[in-house]
Amino acid sequence: MGEPEVADATRRTRLANERTYLAWLRSALTALAVAIGAGKIVPGVADVSQWPFELLGAGFAVLALIFALGGARRFVRVEASLDAGGYAPLARGEAMLIAGVSTVLGVATLALVFVH
């Protein structure tokens, strides 16, 4: 009787991993949209110096790559861990990288908003 419950829990865990991967991809697409907005649209419609906004846009594009590649890497690691019957926590370095890049971009965005 215990086996169907274990199989069901494994299926739910795998589906949760897929949903989490899709959240990583949504975050990547959002960061990419912000990159385009900050790097191309804002300088095109506002009377501002282009290079700071292009640099900010490039930063958000880098964040999009981190989300896309990091999410794929995380998905594969969690799947392998599930196959082995284990658990794969988010690596501290990965969490700190995302937090660091996001913080820098947030501060840069605030600075540009208040300066321009």
Protein backbone atom coordinates (compact mmCIF):
# COMPACT_ATOMS: atom_id res chain seq x y z
CA MET A 1 0.00 0.00 0.00
CA GLY A 2 2.86 2.41 0.68
CA GLU A 3 4.28 2.17 -2.84
CA PRO A 4 1.51 4.08 -4.70
CA GLU A 5 1.84 6.94 -2.21
CA VAL A 6 5.60 7.11 -2.78
CA ALA A 7 5.13 7.07 -6.57
CA ASP A 8 2.49 9.77 -6.29
CA ALA A 9 4.76 11.94 -4.11
CA THR A 10 7.59 11.50 -6.61
CA ARG A 11 5.33 12.56 -9.47
CA ARG A 12 4.21 15.65 -7.52
CA THR A 13 7.83 16.50 -6.74
CA ARG A 14 8.83 16.19 -10.40
CA LEU A 15 5.90 18.36 -11.46
CA ALA A 16 6.89 20.93 -8.82
CA ASN A 17 10.40 20.89 -10.26
CA GLU A 18 8.96 21.57 -13.73
CA ARG A 19 6.88 24.47 -12.39
CA THR A 20 9.95 25.88 -10.69
CA TYR A 21 11.92 25.61 -13.94
CA LEU A 22 9.15 27.51 -15.73
CA ALA A 23 9.34 30.20 -13.03
CA TRP A 24 13.08 30.53 -13.72
CA LEU A 25 12.27 30.95 -17.43
CA ARG A 26 9.56 33.54 -16.70
CA SER A 27 12.08 35.46 -14.62
CA ALA A 28 14.56 35.25 -17.49
CA LEU A 29 12.01 36.58 -19.98
CA THR A 30 11.02 39.37 -17.59
CA ALA A 31 14.65 40.40 -17.13
CA LEU A 32 15.08 40.34 -20.91
CA ALA A 33 12.04 42.59 -21.36
CA VAL A 34 13.48 45.00 -18.78
CA ALA A 35 16.81 44.88 -20.63
CA ILE A 36 15.13 45.94 -23.86
CA GLY A 37 13.08 48.60 -22.11
CA ALA A 38 16.00 50.09 -20.21
CA GLY A 39 18.60 49.72 -22.94
CA LYS A 40 16.65 50.68 -26.04
CA ILE A 41 13.20 52.08 -25.34
CA VAL A 42 13.99 54.56 -22.56
CA PRO A 43 16.88 56.22 -24.42
CA GLY A 44 14.73 56.34 -27.54
CA VAL A 45 11.79 58.17 -25.97
CA ALA A 46 13.46 60.25 -23.28
CA ASP A 47 15.98 63.03 -23.55
CA VAL A 48 18.73 61.18 -21.68
CA SER A 49 22.28 60.06 -22.29
CA GLN A 50 22.12 56.64 -23.94
CA TRP A 51 25.13 54.82 -22.51
CA PRO A 52 23.99 54.54 -18.85
CA PHE A 53 20.67 53.02 -19.92
CA GLU A 54 22.35 50.74 -22.44
CA LEU A 55 24.70 49.56 -19.69
CA LEU A 56 21.75 48.97 -17.37
CA GLY A 57 19.98 47.07 -20.15
CA ALA A 58 23.06 44.92 -20.67
CA GLY A 59 23.08 44.17 -16.94
CA PHE A 60 19.48 43.00 -17.06
CA ALA A 61 20.34 40.87 -20.12
CA VAL A 62 23.11 39.22 -18.08
CA LEU A 63 20.58 38.60 -15.29
CA ALA A 64 18.27 37.00 -17.88
CA LEU A 65 21.08 34.64 -18.91
CA ILE A 66 21.79 33.78 -15.27
CA PHE A 67 18.12 32.92 -14.77
CA ALA A 68 17.83 30.88 -17.97
CA LEU A 69 21.05 28.92 -17.55
CA GLY A 70 20.78 28.66 -13.77
CA GLY A 71 17.20 27.43 -14.02
CA ALA A 72 18.12 24.75 -16.55
CA ARG A 73 21.10 23.68 -14.44
CA ARG A 74 18.94 23.56 -11.33
CA PHE A 75 16.21 21.55 -13.09
CA VAL A 76 18.72 18.94 -14.24
CA ARG A 77 20.37 18.75 -10.80
CA VAL A 78 17.05 18.27 -9.00
CA GLU A 79 15.97 15.58 -11.48
CA ALA A 80 19.26 13.71 -10.98
CA SER A 81 18.89 14.02 -7.24
CA LEU A 82 15.34 12.66 -7.39
CA ASP A 83 16.57 9.73 -9.48
CA ALA A 84 19.13 9.00 -6.75
CA GLY A 85 16.54 9.40 -4.00
CA GLY A 86 18.19 12.52 -2.61
CA TYR A 87 17.70 16.24 -2.28
CA ALA A 88 19.49 19.04 -4.15
CA PRO A 89 19.44 22.36 -2.29
CA LEU A 90 20.11 25.59 -4.14
CA ALA A 91 23.85 26.20 -3.92
CA ARG A 92 24.84 29.10 -1.71
CA GLY A 93 27.06 30.59 -4.44
CA GLU A 94 24.23 30.55 -6.96
CA ALA A 95 21.86 32.25 -4.53
CA MET A 96 24.48 34.88 -3.71
CA LEU A 97 25.22 35.50 -7.41
CA ILE A 98 21.55 36.12 -8.17
CA ALA A 99 21.14 38.32 -5.09
CA GLY A 100 24.31 40.27 -5.88
CA VAL A 101 23.52 40.92 -9.52
CA SER A 102 19.91 41.82 -8.67
CA THR A 103 21.03 44.21 -5.94
CA VAL A 104 23.54 45.96 -8.20
CA LEU A 105 20.91 46.33 -10.92
CA GLY A 106 18.34 47.59 -8.43
CA VAL A 107 20.71 50.24 -7.07
CA ALA A 108 21.75 51.24 -10.60
CA THR A 109 18.09 51.55 -11.62
CA LEU A 110 17.33 53.74 -8.63
CA ALA A 111 20.36 55.89 -9.34
CA LEU A 112 19.37 56.41 -12.99
CA VAL A 113 15.76 57.17 -12.07
CA PHE A 114 16.79 59.81 -9.55
CA VAL A 115 19.64 61.30 -11.60
CA HIS A 116 17.69 61.56 -14.85
